Amino acid sequence: MRWWKTVGLAGLVGVAATGVVIAREERRRRAYTPDEVRERLHARLGATPPAPGGEADG
């Protein structure tokens, strides 16, 4: 029954590592100022090709 402890410990380590990665990415994402977010969104919008068929209003 000792191998169950090893499997459980490995699972716990995996969950902890995933939490660390998610927390780090969340911190990095929240570090943007509103102006930086706006600039990035405008840059992404300018890089996308126009939709086929013209405007979406129909």
C-alpha atoms as a PDB file:
ATOM      1  CA  MET A   1       0.000   0.000   0.000  1.00  0.00           C
ATOM      2  CA  ARG A   2       3.034   2.279   0.030  1.00  0.00           C
ATOM      3  CA  TRP A   3       2.714   3.035  -3.700  1.00  0.00           C
ATOM      4  CA  TRP A   4      -0.658   4.711  -3.047  1.00  0.00           C
ATOM      5  CA  LYS A   5       1.116   7.255  -0.898  1.00  0.00           C
ATOM      6  CA  THR A   6       3.559   7.973  -3.721  1.00  0.00           C
ATOM      7  CA  VAL A   7       0.750   8.405  -6.238  1.00  0.00           C
ATOM      8  CA  GLY A   8      -1.147  10.689  -3.863  1.00  0.00           C
ATOM      9  CA  LEU A   9       1.928  12.779  -3.167  1.00  0.00           C
ATOM     10  CA  ALA A  10       2.659  13.098  -6.890  1.00  0.00           C
ATOM     11  CA  GLY A  11      -0.924  14.249  -7.480  1.00  0.00           C
ATOM     12  CA  LEU A  12      -0.645  16.821  -4.713  1.00  0.00           C
ATOM     13  CA  VAL A  13       2.602  18.160  -6.169  1.00  0.00           C
ATOM     14  CA  GLY A  14       0.957  18.397  -9.598  1.00  0.00           C
ATOM     15  CA  VAL A  15      -1.987  20.366  -8.244  1.00  0.00           C
ATOM     16  CA  ALA A  16       0.321  22.731  -6.352  1.00  0.00           C
ATOM     17  CA  ALA A  17       2.486  23.310  -9.431  1.00  0.00           C
ATOM     18  CA  THR A  18      -0.582  24.045 -11.551  1.00  0.00           C
ATOM     19  CA  GLY A  19      -1.790  26.561  -8.969  1.00  0.00           C
ATOM     20  CA  VAL A  20       1.571  28.324  -9.010  1.00  0.00           C
ATOM     21  CA  VAL A  21       1.526  28.605 -12.800  1.00  0.00           C
ATOM     22  CA  ILE A  22      -2.049  29.938 -12.824  1.00  0.00           C
ATOM     23  CA  ALA A  23      -1.290  32.488 -10.101  1.00  0.00           C
ATOM     24  CA  ARG A  24       1.801  33.700 -11.945  1.00  0.00           C
ATOM     25  CA  GLU A  25      -0.114  34.153 -15.214  1.00  0.00           C
ATOM     26  CA  GLU A  26      -2.945  35.958 -13.404  1.00  0.00           C
ATOM     27  CA  ARG A  27      -0.477  38.351 -11.778  1.00  0.00           C
ATOM     28  CA  ARG A  28       1.153  39.032 -15.138  1.00  0.00           C
ATOM     29  CA  ARG A  29      -2.253  39.649 -16.758  1.00  0.00           C
ATOM     30  CA  ARG A  30      -3.410  42.033 -14.032  1.00  0.00           C
ATOM     31  CA  ALA A  31      -0.182  44.046 -14.208  1.00  0.00           C
ATOM     32  CA  TYR A  32      -1.417  45.892 -17.317  1.00  0.00           C
ATOM     33  CA  THR A  33      -2.750  49.403 -16.929  1.00  0.00           C
ATOM     34  CA  PRO A  34      -6.060  50.213 -18.647  1.00  0.00           C
ATOM     35  CA  ASP A  35      -4.193  52.255 -21.276  1.00  0.00           C
ATOM     36  CA  GLU A  36      -1.926  49.300 -22.058  1.00  0.00           C
ATOM     37  CA  VAL A  37      -4.926  47.005 -22.425  1.00  0.00           C
ATOM     38  CA  ARG A  38      -6.609  49.500 -24.756  1.00  0.00           C
ATOM     39  CA  GLU A  39      -3.455  49.833 -26.888  1.00  0.00           C
ATOM     40  CA  ARG A  40      -3.089  46.056 -27.136  1.00  0.00           C
ATOM     41  CA  LEU A  41      -6.729  45.614 -28.142  1.00  0.00           C
ATOM     42  CA  HIS A  42      -6.455  48.304 -30.811  1.00  0.00           C
ATOM     43  CA  ALA A  43      -3.281  46.678 -32.150  1.00  0.00           C
ATOM     44  CA  ARG A  44      -5.000  43.280 -32.315  1.00  0.00           C
ATOM     45  CA  LEU A  45      -8.032  44.788 -34.033  1.00  0.00           C
ATOM     46  CA  GLY A  46      -5.821  46.481 -36.610  1.00  0.00           C
ATOM     47  CA  ALA A  47      -4.006  43.208 -37.325  1.00  0.00           C
ATOM     48  CA  THR A  48      -7.181  41.228 -38.105  1.00  0.00           C
ATOM     49  CA  PRO A  49      -8.347  41.009 -41.718  1.00  0.00           C
ATOM     50  CA  PRO A  50     -11.811  42.379 -42.554  1.00  0.00           C
ATOM     51  CA  ALA A  51     -14.684  39.901 -42.431  1.00  0.00           C
ATOM     52  CA  PRO A  52     -15.805  38.535 -45.793  1.00  0.00           C
ATOM     53  CA  GLY A  53     -19.052  40.053 -46.998  1.00  0.00           C
ATOM     54  CA  GLY A  54     -18.512  43.528 -45.628  1.00  0.00           C
ATOM     55  CA  GLU A  55     -20.162  44.913 -42.514  1.00  0.00           C
ATOM     56  CA  ALA A  56     -21.942  42.734 -39.967  1.00  0.00           C
ATOM     57  CA  ASP A  57     -25.043  44.971 -39.786  1.00  0.00           C
ATOM     58  CA  GLY A  58     -26.399  43.420 -42.960  1.00  0.00           C
END
